[in-house]
Structures are given as structure tokens and as C-alpha cells.
N, C-alpha and C. Protein backbone atom coordinates (compact mmCIF):
# COMPACT_ATOMS: atom_id res chain seq x y z
N MET A 1 132.66 97.60 52.72
CA MET A 1 131.39 96.83 52.34
C MET A 1 130.81 96.55 53.86
N SER A 2 129.49 96.82 53.93
CA SER A 2 128.84 96.52 55.28
C SER A 2 128.70 95.10 55.52
N PRO A 3 128.57 94.52 56.61
CA PRO A 3 128.50 93.02 56.72
C PRO A 3 126.98 92.74 56.39
N ARG A 4 126.67 91.63 55.79
CA ARG A 4 125.28 90.99 55.18
C ARG A 4 124.59 90.85 56.66
N ARG A 5 123.19 91.48 56.68
CA ARG A 5 122.26 91.26 57.75
C ARG A 5 121.60 89.89 57.75
N THR A 6 121.53 89.23 58.96
CA THR A 6 121.00 87.96 58.89
C THR A 6 119.45 88.12 58.64
N ALA A 7 118.73 87.20 58.66
CA ALA A 7 117.21 87.21 58.17
C ALA A 7 116.45 87.87 59.29
N ASP A 8 116.92 87.67 60.64
CA ASP A 8 116.35 88.25 61.67
C ASP A 8 116.51 89.71 61.94
N GLU A 9 117.90 89.88 61.59
CA GLU A 9 118.23 91.62 61.56
C GLU A 9 117.35 92.53 60.50
N THR A 10 117.19 91.55 59.29
CA THR A 10 116.40 92.24 58.56
C THR A 10 115.02 92.66 58.77
N ARG A 11 114.33 91.57 59.36
CA ARG A 11 113.04 91.30 59.69
C ARG A 11 112.82 92.64 60.87
N GLU A 12 113.80 92.71 61.75
CA GLU A 12 113.50 93.70 62.66
C GLU A 12 114.04 95.20 62.16
N LEU A 13 114.66 95.30 61.45
CA LEU A 13 114.72 96.57 60.61
C LEU A 13 113.52 96.94 59.90
N ILE A 14 112.99 96.20 59.40
CA ILE A 14 111.72 96.48 58.47
C ILE A 14 110.77 96.81 59.70
N ARG A 15 110.51 95.81 60.58
CA ARG A 15 109.70 96.27 61.85
C ARG A 15 109.88 97.62 62.50
N SER A 16 111.10 97.79 62.84
CA SER A 16 111.31 99.17 63.37
C SER A 16 110.98 100.35 62.52
N THR A 17 111.45 100.03 61.27
CA THR A 17 111.22 101.03 60.35
C THR A 17 109.57 101.53 60.26
N ALA A 18 108.88 100.40 60.25
CA ALA A 18 107.44 100.50 59.98
C ALA A 18 107.00 101.20 61.35
N LEU A 19 107.39 100.89 62.35
CA LEU A 19 106.83 101.54 63.75
C LEU A 19 107.24 102.98 63.67
N ARG A 20 108.46 103.40 63.24
CA ARG A 20 108.77 104.81 63.15
C ARG A 20 107.79 105.57 62.06
N LEU A 21 107.63 104.92 60.86
CA LEU A 21 106.68 105.62 60.22
C LEU A 21 105.38 105.71 60.48
N PHE A 22 104.82 104.63 61.33
CA PHE A 22 103.30 104.63 61.93
C PHE A 22 103.38 106.08 63.07
N ARG A 23 104.39 106.12 63.72
CA ARG A 23 104.62 107.38 64.35
C ARG A 23 104.62 108.68 63.76
N GLU A 24 105.27 108.73 62.67
CA GLU A 24 105.59 110.06 61.98
C GLU A 24 104.56 110.44 61.00
N ARG A 25 104.14 109.21 60.38
CA ARG A 25 103.25 109.60 59.14
C ARG A 25 101.86 109.02 59.24
N GLY A 26 101.62 108.24 60.15
CA GLY A 26 100.33 107.73 60.44
C GLY A 26 99.94 106.44 59.83
N HIS A 27 98.88 105.91 59.75
CA HIS A 27 98.35 104.57 59.05
C HIS A 27 98.44 104.62 57.62
N ASP A 28 97.55 105.71 57.06
CA ASP A 28 97.53 105.60 55.64
C ASP A 28 98.62 105.99 54.70
N ALA A 29 99.64 106.72 55.18
CA ALA A 29 100.64 107.09 54.30
C ALA A 29 101.90 106.03 54.36
N THR A 30 101.76 105.11 55.40
CA THR A 30 102.88 104.05 55.55
C THR A 30 102.44 102.74 54.71
N THR A 31 103.02 102.70 53.47
CA THR A 31 102.67 101.48 52.63
C THR A 31 103.83 100.68 52.85
N MET A 32 103.71 99.52 52.22
CA MET A 32 104.80 98.56 52.42
C MET A 32 105.93 98.97 51.43
N ARG A 33 105.68 99.63 50.32
CA ARG A 33 106.57 100.34 49.52
C ARG A 33 107.54 101.32 50.26
N VAL A 34 106.71 102.24 50.75
CA VAL A 34 107.62 103.33 51.60
C VAL A 34 108.38 102.56 52.71
N VAL A 35 107.92 101.59 53.44
CA VAL A 35 108.72 100.87 54.35
C VAL A 35 109.83 100.26 53.98
N ALA A 36 109.76 99.67 52.68
CA ALA A 36 110.72 98.95 52.26
C ALA A 36 111.89 100.05 51.78
N GLN A 37 111.62 101.22 51.08
CA GLN A 37 112.27 102.19 50.74
C GLN A 37 113.16 102.62 51.89
N GLU A 38 112.38 103.10 52.94
CA GLU A 38 113.00 103.78 54.17
C GLU A 38 114.10 102.78 55.03
N ALA A 39 113.50 101.41 54.82
CA ALA A 39 114.59 100.51 55.44
C ALA A 39 115.58 100.11 54.68
N GLY A 40 115.55 100.43 53.12
CA GLY A 40 116.72 100.10 52.36
C GLY A 40 116.71 98.98 52.01
N VAL A 41 115.56 98.20 51.87
CA VAL A 41 115.53 96.88 51.45
C VAL A 41 114.42 96.79 50.32
N ALA A 42 114.46 95.66 49.28
CA ALA A 42 113.68 95.69 48.37
C ALA A 42 112.39 95.27 48.63
N VAL A 43 111.27 95.61 47.96
CA VAL A 43 109.81 95.48 48.35
C VAL A 43 109.59 94.11 48.55
N GLY A 44 110.04 93.28 47.68
CA GLY A 44 109.75 91.73 47.61
C GLY A 44 110.47 91.21 49.09
N ASN A 45 111.52 91.97 49.74
CA ASN A 45 112.17 91.57 50.83
C ASN A 45 111.16 91.81 51.85
N ALA A 46 110.49 92.95 51.92
CA ALA A 46 109.72 93.25 53.03
C ALA A 46 108.59 92.55 53.07
N TYR A 47 107.96 92.10 51.62
CA TYR A 47 106.86 91.13 51.67
C TYR A 47 107.22 89.77 52.21
N HIS A 48 108.42 89.22 51.95
CA HIS A 48 109.07 88.06 52.48
C HIS A 48 108.96 87.91 53.97
N HIS A 49 109.08 88.84 54.72
CA HIS A 49 109.06 88.94 56.31
C HIS A 49 107.93 89.45 56.91
N PHE A 50 107.13 90.25 56.03
CA PHE A 50 105.66 90.59 56.67
C PHE A 50 104.74 90.42 55.36
N GLY A 51 103.71 89.58 55.40
CA GLY A 51 102.97 89.47 54.18
C GLY A 51 102.02 90.36 53.67
N SER A 52 101.80 91.42 54.63
CA SER A 52 100.96 92.62 54.34
C SER A 52 101.12 93.75 55.35
N LYS A 53 100.72 94.80 54.74
CA LYS A 53 100.73 96.05 55.86
C LYS A 53 100.09 95.71 57.16
N GLU A 54 98.93 94.68 57.08
CA GLU A 54 98.22 94.37 58.12
C GLU A 54 99.18 93.78 59.22
N ASP A 55 100.11 93.01 58.69
CA ASP A 55 101.00 92.36 59.55
C ASP A 55 101.84 93.12 60.18
N LEU A 56 102.23 94.28 59.73
CA LEU A 56 102.87 95.33 60.46
C LEU A 56 102.00 95.93 61.40
N VAL A 57 100.84 96.44 61.12
CA VAL A 57 99.82 96.81 61.91
C VAL A 57 99.79 96.01 63.41
N GLN A 58 99.71 94.66 63.04
CA GLN A 58 99.75 93.73 64.22
C GLN A 58 101.28 94.09 65.11
N GLU A 59 102.12 94.25 64.36
CA GLU A 59 103.50 94.51 65.17
C GLU A 59 103.25 95.77 66.14
N LEU A 60 102.48 96.68 65.39
CA LEU A 60 102.43 97.86 66.19
C LEU A 60 101.40 97.57 67.34
N TYR A 61 100.34 96.81 67.30
CA TYR A 61 99.63 96.53 68.31
C TYR A 61 100.30 95.72 69.61
N LEU A 62 101.09 94.92 69.06
CA LEU A 62 102.02 93.99 70.07
C LEU A 62 103.07 94.86 70.71
N GLU A 63 103.59 96.06 70.10
CA GLU A 63 104.57 96.95 70.77
C GLU A 63 103.90 97.92 71.90
N VAL A 64 102.63 98.19 71.35
CA VAL A 64 101.85 98.97 72.41
C VAL A 64 101.29 98.28 73.69
N VAL A 65 100.79 97.09 73.32
CA VAL A 65 100.39 96.29 74.49
C VAL A 65 101.66 95.86 75.22
N ARG A 66 102.96 95.51 74.65
CA ARG A 66 104.09 95.14 75.60
C ARG A 66 104.54 96.43 76.42
N ALA A 67 104.41 97.52 75.79
CA ALA A 67 104.77 98.88 76.57
C ALA A 67 103.89 99.00 77.78
N GLN A 68 102.27 98.62 77.61
CA GLN A 68 101.68 98.94 78.65
C GLN A 68 101.72 97.98 79.69
N ASP A 69 102.08 96.51 79.26
CA ASP A 69 101.94 95.38 80.06
C ASP A 69 103.36 95.77 81.02
N GLU A 70 104.52 96.03 80.44
CA GLU A 70 105.86 96.10 81.26
C GLU A 70 105.71 97.34 82.20
N ARG A 71 105.12 98.65 81.82
CA ARG A 71 105.15 99.64 82.86
C ARG A 71 104.07 99.42 83.83
N ALA A 72 102.80 98.90 83.42
CA ALA A 72 101.87 98.60 84.34
C ALA A 72 102.16 97.85 85.46
N ARG A 73 102.86 96.54 85.03
CA ARG A 73 103.44 95.59 86.03
C ARG A 73 104.27 96.15 86.98
N GLU A 74 105.21 96.94 86.42
CA GLU A 74 106.04 97.81 87.28
C GLU A 74 105.46 98.47 88.70
N LEU A 75 104.34 99.15 88.06
CA LEU A 75 103.36 100.18 88.83
C LEU A 75 102.55 99.36 90.00
N LEU A 76 102.09 98.05 89.45
CA LEU A 76 101.01 97.26 90.16
C LEU A 76 101.74 96.42 91.18
N ALA A 77 103.07 96.34 91.04
CA ALA A 77 103.92 95.63 92.11
C ALA A 77 103.85 96.13 93.45
N GLY A 78 103.25 97.39 93.55
CA GLY A 78 103.16 98.01 94.89
C GLY A 78 101.93 97.64 95.66
N GLY A 79 101.13 96.93 94.72
CA GLY A 79 99.84 96.48 95.47
C GLY A 79 98.76 97.54 95.12
N GLY A 80 97.64 97.83 95.97
CA GLY A 80 96.66 98.70 95.85
C GLY A 80 95.22 98.06 95.53
N ASP A 81 94.23 98.85 95.79
CA ASP A 81 92.86 98.25 95.66
C ASP A 81 92.72 98.29 94.15
N LEU A 82 91.30 97.60 93.59
CA LEU A 82 91.05 97.46 92.58
C LEU A 82 91.00 98.74 91.68
N ALA A 83 90.26 99.73 92.15
CA ALA A 83 90.41 100.98 91.60
C ALA A 83 91.58 101.71 91.24
N SER A 84 92.34 101.66 92.21
CA SER A 84 93.71 102.30 91.99
C SER A 84 94.51 101.53 90.80
N ARG A 85 94.62 100.11 90.99
CA ARG A 85 95.19 99.46 90.02
C ARG A 85 94.50 99.57 88.62
N LEU A 86 93.31 99.61 88.58
CA LEU A 86 92.53 99.79 87.17
C LEU A 86 92.98 101.15 86.71
N ARG A 87 92.89 102.34 87.62
CA ARG A 87 93.26 103.45 86.97
C ARG A 87 94.65 103.53 86.39
N THR A 88 95.65 103.19 87.09
CA THR A 88 97.04 103.03 86.82
C THR A 88 97.04 102.44 85.31
N THR A 89 96.45 101.18 85.03
CA THR A 89 96.43 100.43 83.92
C THR A 89 95.85 101.03 82.81
N TRP A 90 94.72 101.51 82.84
CA TRP A 90 94.15 102.42 81.74
C TRP A 90 94.90 103.59 81.43
N HIS A 91 95.50 104.29 82.39
CA HIS A 91 96.35 105.61 82.16
C HIS A 91 97.64 105.06 81.47
N VAL A 92 98.15 104.07 81.70
CA VAL A 92 99.41 103.60 81.17
C VAL A 92 98.95 103.03 79.79
N GLY A 93 97.73 102.52 79.57
CA GLY A 93 97.41 102.26 78.14
C GLY A 93 97.55 103.23 77.13
N ILE A 94 96.96 104.33 77.80
CA ILE A 94 96.71 105.56 76.84
C ILE A 94 98.26 105.99 76.63
N ASP A 95 98.99 106.04 77.72
CA ASP A 95 100.33 106.59 77.36
C ASP A 95 101.20 105.72 76.46
N ALA A 96 100.94 104.33 76.47
CA ALA A 96 101.56 103.66 75.51
C ALA A 96 101.08 103.77 73.95
N PHE A 97 99.94 104.31 73.88
CA PHE A 97 99.48 104.57 72.45
C PHE A 97 99.62 106.09 71.95
N LEU A 98 99.95 107.02 73.05
CA LEU A 98 100.32 108.36 72.61
C LEU A 98 101.20 108.74 71.39
N PRO A 99 102.37 107.76 71.18
CA PRO A 99 103.30 108.21 70.05
C PRO A 99 102.54 107.73 68.55
N TYR A 100 101.43 106.98 68.57
CA TYR A 100 100.77 106.82 67.47
C TYR A 100 99.40 107.13 67.33
N ARG A 101 99.27 108.52 67.89
CA ARG A 101 98.03 109.15 67.94
C ARG A 101 97.31 109.12 66.44
N GLN A 102 98.20 109.69 65.55
CA GLN A 102 97.65 109.93 64.18
C GLN A 102 97.28 108.70 63.37
N PHE A 103 98.14 107.71 63.72
CA PHE A 103 97.77 106.30 63.50
C PHE A 103 96.38 105.94 63.74
N GLY A 104 96.15 106.17 65.09
CA GLY A 104 94.96 105.67 65.59
C GLY A 104 93.73 106.44 65.03
N VAL A 105 93.84 107.65 64.74
CA VAL A 105 92.77 108.43 64.10
C VAL A 105 92.47 107.82 62.85
N GLU A 106 93.50 107.57 62.20
CA GLU A 106 93.29 107.11 60.73
C GLU A 106 92.86 105.55 60.50
N SER A 107 93.37 104.82 61.51
CA SER A 107 92.96 103.39 61.30
C SER A 107 91.84 102.93 62.12
N ILE A 108 91.14 103.90 62.89
CA ILE A 108 89.99 103.26 63.63
C ILE A 108 88.75 102.90 62.74
N GLY A 109 88.63 103.43 61.60
CA GLY A 109 87.64 102.95 60.60
C GLY A 109 87.89 101.58 59.99
N VAL A 110 89.23 101.36 59.93
CA VAL A 110 89.54 99.94 59.35
C VAL A 110 89.50 99.03 60.71
N ALA A 111 89.81 99.26 61.90
CA ALA A 111 89.75 98.31 62.82
C ALA A 111 88.26 97.99 63.18
N ILE A 112 87.31 98.58 63.03
CA ILE A 112 86.04 98.61 63.31
C ILE A 112 85.30 97.73 62.24
N ARG A 113 85.65 97.50 61.00
CA ARG A 113 85.03 97.12 59.94
C ARG A 113 85.34 95.54 60.27
N PRO A 114 83.73 94.90 60.08
CA PRO A 114 83.57 93.47 60.12
C PRO A 114 84.83 92.68 59.37
N GLY A 115 85.14 91.63 59.91
CA GLY A 115 86.18 90.95 59.22
C GLY A 115 87.55 91.31 59.20
N SER A 116 87.94 92.66 59.53
CA SER A 116 89.19 93.22 59.38
C SER A 116 90.21 92.64 60.33
N PRO A 117 91.46 92.18 59.73
CA PRO A 117 92.40 91.60 60.71
C PRO A 117 93.02 92.47 61.76
N ALA A 118 92.66 93.89 61.37
CA ALA A 118 93.06 95.06 62.51
C ALA A 118 92.00 95.18 63.71
N SER A 119 91.15 94.58 63.44
CA SER A 119 89.97 94.36 64.73
C SER A 119 90.64 93.56 66.01
N PRO A 120 90.38 94.38 67.18
CA PRO A 120 90.87 93.37 68.23
C PRO A 120 90.47 92.11 68.59
N PHE A 121 89.25 91.94 67.77
CA PHE A 121 88.73 90.73 68.05
C PHE A 121 88.89 89.49 66.95
N SER A 122 89.77 89.81 65.92
CA SER A 122 90.04 89.14 64.97
C SER A 122 91.30 87.94 65.27
N PRO A 123 91.19 86.88 64.55
CA PRO A 123 92.32 85.95 64.92
C PRO A 123 93.55 86.68 64.74
N ALA A 124 93.84 87.48 63.88
CA ALA A 124 95.23 87.92 63.74
C ALA A 124 95.68 88.72 65.04
N SER A 125 94.71 89.13 65.79
CA SER A 125 95.14 90.11 66.89
C SER A 125 94.96 89.21 68.15
N ALA A 126 94.84 87.90 68.07
CA ALA A 126 94.67 87.07 69.14
C ALA A 126 95.77 87.22 70.10
N ARG A 127 96.97 87.18 69.57
CA ARG A 127 98.26 87.28 70.51
C ARG A 127 98.26 88.63 71.30
N THR A 128 97.98 89.45 70.87
CA THR A 128 97.90 90.80 71.65
C THR A 128 96.89 90.90 72.59
N ALA A 129 95.66 90.40 72.22
CA ALA A 129 94.67 90.51 73.04
C ALA A 129 94.85 89.60 74.23
N GLN A 130 95.61 88.36 74.11
CA GLN A 130 95.54 87.43 75.05
C GLN A 130 96.26 88.24 76.25
N ARG A 131 97.58 88.66 75.58
CA ARG A 131 98.60 89.37 76.46
C ARG A 131 97.97 90.49 77.32
N SER A 132 97.01 91.34 76.68
CA SER A 132 96.32 92.37 77.43
C SER A 132 95.30 91.85 78.40
N ARG A 133 94.65 90.86 78.20
CA ARG A 133 93.76 90.17 79.12
C ARG A 133 94.39 89.74 80.19
N ALA A 134 95.75 89.14 79.95
CA ALA A 134 96.55 88.53 81.21
C ALA A 134 96.86 89.65 82.23
N LEU A 135 97.12 90.93 81.49
CA LEU A 135 97.40 92.02 82.42
C LEU A 135 96.15 92.20 83.28
N PHE A 136 95.06 92.38 82.73
CA PHE A 136 93.89 92.71 83.37
C PHE A 136 93.49 91.68 84.50
N ARG A 137 93.94 90.50 84.11
CA ARG A 137 93.91 89.41 85.10
C ARG A 137 94.86 89.76 86.46
N GLU A 138 95.73 90.15 86.11
CA GLU A 138 96.89 90.75 87.21
C GLU A 138 96.12 91.89 87.88
N VAL A 139 95.64 92.81 87.44
CA VAL A 139 94.88 93.82 87.96
C VAL A 139 93.94 93.30 89.00
N VAL A 140 92.98 92.46 88.59
CA VAL A 140 91.96 91.83 89.58
C VAL A 140 92.60 91.06 90.48
N GLU A 141 93.39 90.15 90.10
CA GLU A 141 94.02 89.20 91.15
C GLU A 141 94.88 89.62 92.16
N GLY A 142 95.55 90.82 91.92
CA GLY A 142 96.45 91.44 92.99
C GLY A 142 95.75 92.53 93.85
N ALA A 143 94.60 92.77 93.43
CA ALA A 143 93.90 93.69 94.19
C ALA A 143 93.90 93.55 95.71
N SER A 144 94.18 94.34 96.47
CA SER A 144 94.32 94.28 98.03
C SER A 144 93.09 94.01 98.69
N SER A 145 91.93 94.61 98.07
CA SER A 145 90.49 94.57 98.75
C SER A 145 90.12 93.12 98.54
N GLY A 146 90.51 92.54 97.29
CA GLY A 146 89.97 91.18 96.77
C GLY A 146 88.52 91.37 95.96
N VAL A 147 88.55 90.56 95.03
CA VAL A 147 87.41 90.39 94.19
C VAL A 147 86.53 89.31 94.43
N PRO A 148 85.13 89.45 94.42
CA PRO A 148 84.36 88.28 94.77
C PRO A 148 84.64 87.22 93.73
N ALA A 149 84.71 85.87 94.21
CA ALA A 149 85.13 84.57 93.53
C ALA A 149 84.40 84.49 92.33
N ALA A 150 83.00 84.95 92.39
CA ALA A 150 82.05 84.70 91.34
C ALA A 150 82.31 85.58 90.05
N LEU A 151 83.04 86.80 90.34
CA LEU A 151 83.29 87.75 89.35
C LEU A 151 84.87 87.66 88.71
N ARG A 152 85.78 86.92 89.48
CA ARG A 152 87.07 86.93 89.46
C ARG A 152 87.54 86.30 87.90
N ALA A 153 86.87 85.41 87.49
CA ALA A 153 87.18 84.87 86.06
C ALA A 153 86.84 85.51 84.91
N ASP A 154 85.70 86.24 85.04
CA ASP A 154 85.22 87.02 84.06
C ASP A 154 85.36 88.44 83.86
N LEU A 155 85.78 89.11 85.02
CA LEU A 155 85.96 90.52 85.35
C LEU A 155 87.03 90.95 84.40
N PRO A 156 88.18 90.35 84.19
CA PRO A 156 89.35 90.77 83.38
C PRO A 156 88.92 90.98 81.94
N GLU A 157 87.98 90.14 81.37
CA GLU A 157 87.38 90.41 80.04
C GLU A 157 86.68 91.70 79.86
N LEU A 158 85.96 91.83 80.82
CA LEU A 158 85.02 93.25 80.78
C LEU A 158 85.99 94.43 81.05
N LEU A 159 87.13 94.27 81.64
CA LEU A 159 87.92 95.46 82.06
C LEU A 159 88.73 95.79 80.69
N TRP A 160 89.04 94.61 79.85
CA TRP A 160 89.94 94.75 78.78
C TRP A 160 88.81 95.49 77.76
N LEU A 161 87.61 94.96 77.74
CA LEU A 161 86.64 95.68 76.80
C LEU A 161 86.43 97.02 77.09
N ALA A 162 86.48 97.35 78.34
CA ALA A 162 86.31 98.85 78.58
C ALA A 162 87.55 99.62 78.24
N GLN A 163 88.78 99.05 78.31
CA GLN A 163 89.84 99.69 77.75
C GLN A 163 89.79 99.99 76.13
N LEU A 164 89.34 99.07 75.45
CA LEU A 164 89.01 99.41 73.96
C LEU A 164 87.97 100.41 73.95
N GLY A 165 87.15 100.71 74.63
CA GLY A 165 86.11 101.66 74.42
C GLY A 165 86.70 103.05 74.76
N LEU A 166 87.49 103.01 75.92
CA LEU A 166 88.42 104.11 76.20
C LEU A 166 89.35 104.55 75.08
N THR A 167 89.79 103.54 74.63
CA THR A 167 90.81 103.98 73.26
C THR A 167 90.02 104.55 72.19
N VAL A 168 88.90 104.06 71.90
CA VAL A 168 88.17 104.86 70.86
C VAL A 168 87.75 106.32 71.13
N PHE A 169 87.36 106.39 72.44
CA PHE A 169 87.17 107.62 72.97
C PHE A 169 88.38 108.57 72.90
N TRP A 170 89.56 107.99 73.18
CA TRP A 170 90.72 108.87 73.18
C TRP A 170 90.97 109.26 71.73
N VAL A 171 90.77 108.50 70.85
CA VAL A 171 91.17 108.66 69.33
C VAL A 171 90.40 109.93 69.09
N HIS A 172 88.97 110.15 69.46
CA HIS A 172 88.28 111.21 69.15
C HIS A 172 88.36 112.43 70.15
N ASP A 173 89.07 112.26 71.05
CA ASP A 173 89.21 113.51 72.09
C ASP A 173 90.37 114.24 71.53
N ASP A 174 89.81 115.75 71.28
CA ASP A 174 90.51 116.60 70.87
C ASP A 174 91.00 117.66 71.93
N SER A 175 90.52 117.32 73.32
CA SER A 175 90.96 118.28 74.18
C SER A 175 92.58 118.34 74.46
N GLU A 176 92.96 119.42 75.31
CA GLU A 176 94.23 119.60 75.41
C GLU A 176 94.95 118.52 76.42
N GLY A 177 95.94 117.85 76.02
CA GLY A 177 96.37 116.84 76.84
C GLY A 177 95.47 115.59 76.83
N SER A 178 94.60 115.33 76.04
CA SER A 178 93.50 114.49 76.21
C SER A 178 92.94 114.32 77.69
N ARG A 179 92.47 115.57 78.08
CA ARG A 179 92.09 115.91 79.39
C ARG A 179 90.74 115.17 79.83
N ARG A 180 89.92 114.82 78.64
CA ARG A 180 88.51 114.45 78.81
C ARG A 180 88.73 112.79 78.98
N THR A 181 89.76 112.28 78.24
CA THR A 181 89.96 110.84 78.43
C THR A 181 90.64 110.65 79.86
N ARG A 182 91.67 111.39 80.17
CA ARG A 182 92.07 111.21 81.72
C ARG A 182 91.10 111.45 82.83
N ALA A 183 90.12 112.37 82.34
CA ALA A 183 88.88 112.53 83.53
C ALA A 183 88.20 111.35 83.54
N LEU A 184 88.08 110.78 82.27
CA LEU A 184 86.99 109.80 82.19
C LEU A 184 87.45 108.43 82.94
N ILE A 185 88.91 108.11 82.86
CA ILE A 185 89.56 107.20 83.58
C ILE A 185 89.49 107.34 85.06
N ASP A 186 89.75 108.56 85.43
CA ASP A 186 89.86 108.98 86.78
C ASP A 186 88.54 108.78 87.62
N GLY A 187 87.56 109.02 86.69
CA GLY A 187 86.00 108.82 87.38
C GLY A 187 85.51 107.39 87.01
N ALA A 188 85.88 106.57 86.19
CA ALA A 188 85.24 105.39 85.78
C ALA A 188 86.02 104.45 86.77
N ALA A 189 87.30 104.37 87.18
CA ALA A 189 87.92 103.46 87.92
C ALA A 189 87.15 103.34 89.33
N PRO A 190 87.13 104.38 89.86
CA PRO A 190 86.55 104.05 91.21
C PRO A 190 84.84 103.55 91.42
N VAL A 191 84.47 104.01 90.11
CA VAL A 191 82.92 103.31 90.15
C VAL A 191 82.94 101.89 89.82
N VAL A 192 84.07 101.51 88.94
CA VAL A 192 84.16 100.08 88.66
C VAL A 192 84.45 99.43 90.30
N GLY A 193 85.46 100.00 90.92
CA GLY A 193 85.83 99.52 92.43
C GLY A 193 84.79 99.23 93.29
N ARG A 194 83.85 100.55 93.30
CA ARG A 194 82.65 100.29 93.96
C ARG A 194 81.53 99.28 93.55
N LEU A 195 81.34 99.25 92.50
CA LEU A 195 80.35 98.34 91.73
C LEU A 195 80.99 96.92 92.06
N VAL A 196 82.15 96.47 91.93
CA VAL A 196 82.77 94.99 92.32
C VAL A 196 82.29 94.89 93.96
N SER A 197 82.97 96.08 94.54
CA SER A 197 82.69 95.82 96.20
C SER A 197 81.26 95.60 96.53
N LEU A 198 80.25 96.24 95.99
CA LEU A 198 78.88 96.06 96.15
C LEU A 198 78.46 94.56 95.73
N ALA A 199 79.04 94.00 94.78
CA ALA A 199 78.80 92.59 94.20
C ALA A 199 78.90 91.58 95.20
N ARG A 200 79.50 91.85 96.26
CA ARG A 200 79.38 90.91 97.41
C ARG A 200 78.07 90.78 98.13
N LEU A 201 77.13 91.58 97.86
CA LEU A 201 75.75 91.75 98.49
C LEU A 201 75.03 90.76 97.42
N PRO A 202 74.31 89.89 98.14
CA PRO A 202 73.50 88.96 97.38
C PRO A 202 72.43 89.65 96.35
N VAL A 203 71.91 90.78 96.73
CA VAL A 203 70.95 91.45 95.84
C VAL A 203 71.73 92.07 94.57
N VAL A 204 72.95 92.43 94.74
CA VAL A 204 73.84 92.80 93.37
C VAL A 204 74.62 91.73 92.83
N SER A 205 75.05 90.56 93.70
CA SER A 205 75.79 89.60 92.93
C SER A 205 74.97 89.10 91.66
N GLY A 206 73.87 88.75 91.99
CA GLY A 206 73.14 87.94 90.89
C GLY A 206 73.23 88.92 89.49
N ALA A 207 72.93 90.28 89.80
CA ALA A 207 72.93 91.14 88.26
C ALA A 207 74.20 91.20 87.82
N ALA A 208 75.38 91.38 88.80
CA ALA A 208 76.70 91.30 88.35
C ALA A 208 77.00 90.15 87.54
N GLN A 209 76.60 88.87 87.86
CA GLN A 209 77.03 87.69 86.92
C GLN A 209 76.15 87.71 85.84
N ASP A 210 75.09 88.27 85.83
CA ASP A 210 74.25 88.18 84.56
C ASP A 210 75.03 88.93 83.57
N VAL A 211 75.57 90.34 84.02
CA VAL A 211 76.38 91.03 83.10
C VAL A 211 77.46 90.18 82.56
N LEU A 212 78.12 89.65 83.46
CA LEU A 212 79.43 88.96 82.92
C LEU A 212 78.96 87.84 81.90
N ARG A 213 77.98 87.22 82.24
CA ARG A 213 77.46 86.17 81.32
C ARG A 213 77.09 86.64 79.99
N LEU A 214 76.45 87.77 79.97
CA LEU A 214 76.10 88.47 78.62
C LEU A 214 77.43 88.90 77.80
N VAL A 215 78.38 89.20 78.53
CA VAL A 215 79.52 89.62 77.75
C VAL A 215 80.31 88.03 77.33
N ALA A 216 80.29 87.15 78.04
CA ALA A 216 80.86 86.02 77.83
C ALA A 216 80.00 85.46 76.48
N ALA A 217 78.65 85.50 76.71
CA ALA A 217 77.78 85.25 75.28
C ALA A 217 78.24 85.90 74.20
N ALA A 218 78.44 87.26 74.21
CA ALA A 218 78.81 87.89 73.13
C ALA A 218 80.12 87.55 72.43
N ARG A 219 80.86 87.13 73.21
CA ARG A 219 82.27 86.84 72.81
C ARG A 219 82.46 85.33 72.07
N THR A 220 81.36 84.64 72.20
CA THR A 220 81.48 83.14 71.91
C THR A 220 80.59 83.09 70.49
């Protein structure tokens, strides 16, 4: 007879099984019942640890953000200007989501639905969003060229929003090896870097701050 699992072990088994199924079968085919069957636990036990499928989706988001965060911070430790740091972080974000491509294709319609807990702006997604924003703060604060003080507080939010847009673009990108998404990142990061550098000029600084204020207003 195998030893009885602890509650934490059972929870991790259900979680890891769900992540595997999201990778292999995508969003739609991965139901709570299927997860329970694959994990070898009762459906009621699965619901005891995760109240709904949406809770497991949040575990996937956290897994992706954790993978991006850990890998990006390793690479960012070497320094670099804002453009190179941003390029690295955006590419690593796509890398982290690659195993869940089918999930992304199927779930995008759910995530953009108003009030959906799968939305990156929902209260349920707050923990993952906070960790992702913290990574972009590191991107900004560690840039060798420095970021104007007037932009430093709000720029990470804008870069995080840009990553959400890149992820949506990637979901719809059917080019081989996501070539168009990779090219977009390679082109966009230097543009952002140049715009931030120009923001040191008085004629540009005011407009840049206006943009950041608009973003902040839209989020409140």
C-alpha cells in the first residue's frame, strides 16, 4: 500500500497534472473532471483544493510569470541599457508561454471577456500581475543608461501592458517559429529605448508624462 499523501502533496499533484494537461490538450479540453481522473483523485477532492477551473488557470499564469521572472533576472544581472533589457525580458516572456500555445489560442476569448477572472486585470490575477510588474521595475531601475526620474515610477506599468499586447499578437502569429512576434520585439525594444532617452528633452518630457498619466487614469 502506498503511503497516504498529505494535503499539500495532493494539491501539488492536482496542480502539476492540470499544467500538463493545459500543455498537452489546451484550455477547453482540460476540465476539472479530466484533471481529477488524470491525477487519480476524486472530483470532489480536486474541487476541495481548487474551487474551479479558473483557479487552475491562475496557477498556469503564475507558473509562466515565475518562469519568465527567474530566467529574465538571471540574464538581466549582466546589466545593459533599457532597450537590451526590455528585449530580453519580452523574449523570455514568450519563451515561458511557448509550452502553452494551444491554451493561449483557446483561452484568449475568455481572458478578454469583461469580468472574467482569467483577465490579467481581474482581482484573481492580481498576484501574477504584481510579480510581472515587479520584473519590469527591475528592467527600468537596472538600465545602465538610466531612465528619467519623471518616468521611472510609471514606465514599468506601460511596459507590462505592452507585454500583454505582444502576447496577444503571439497567440495569433502563425509564422514559423513565431518569427513575426520575435521581429516585433526586436524592433519595438530599441524604439522604446530611444523614446525614453528623448524624454530627457523638455519638449518631449511633457508629452511622455501625459501618456503615462493617461495609462494610470485608465487603470484606476
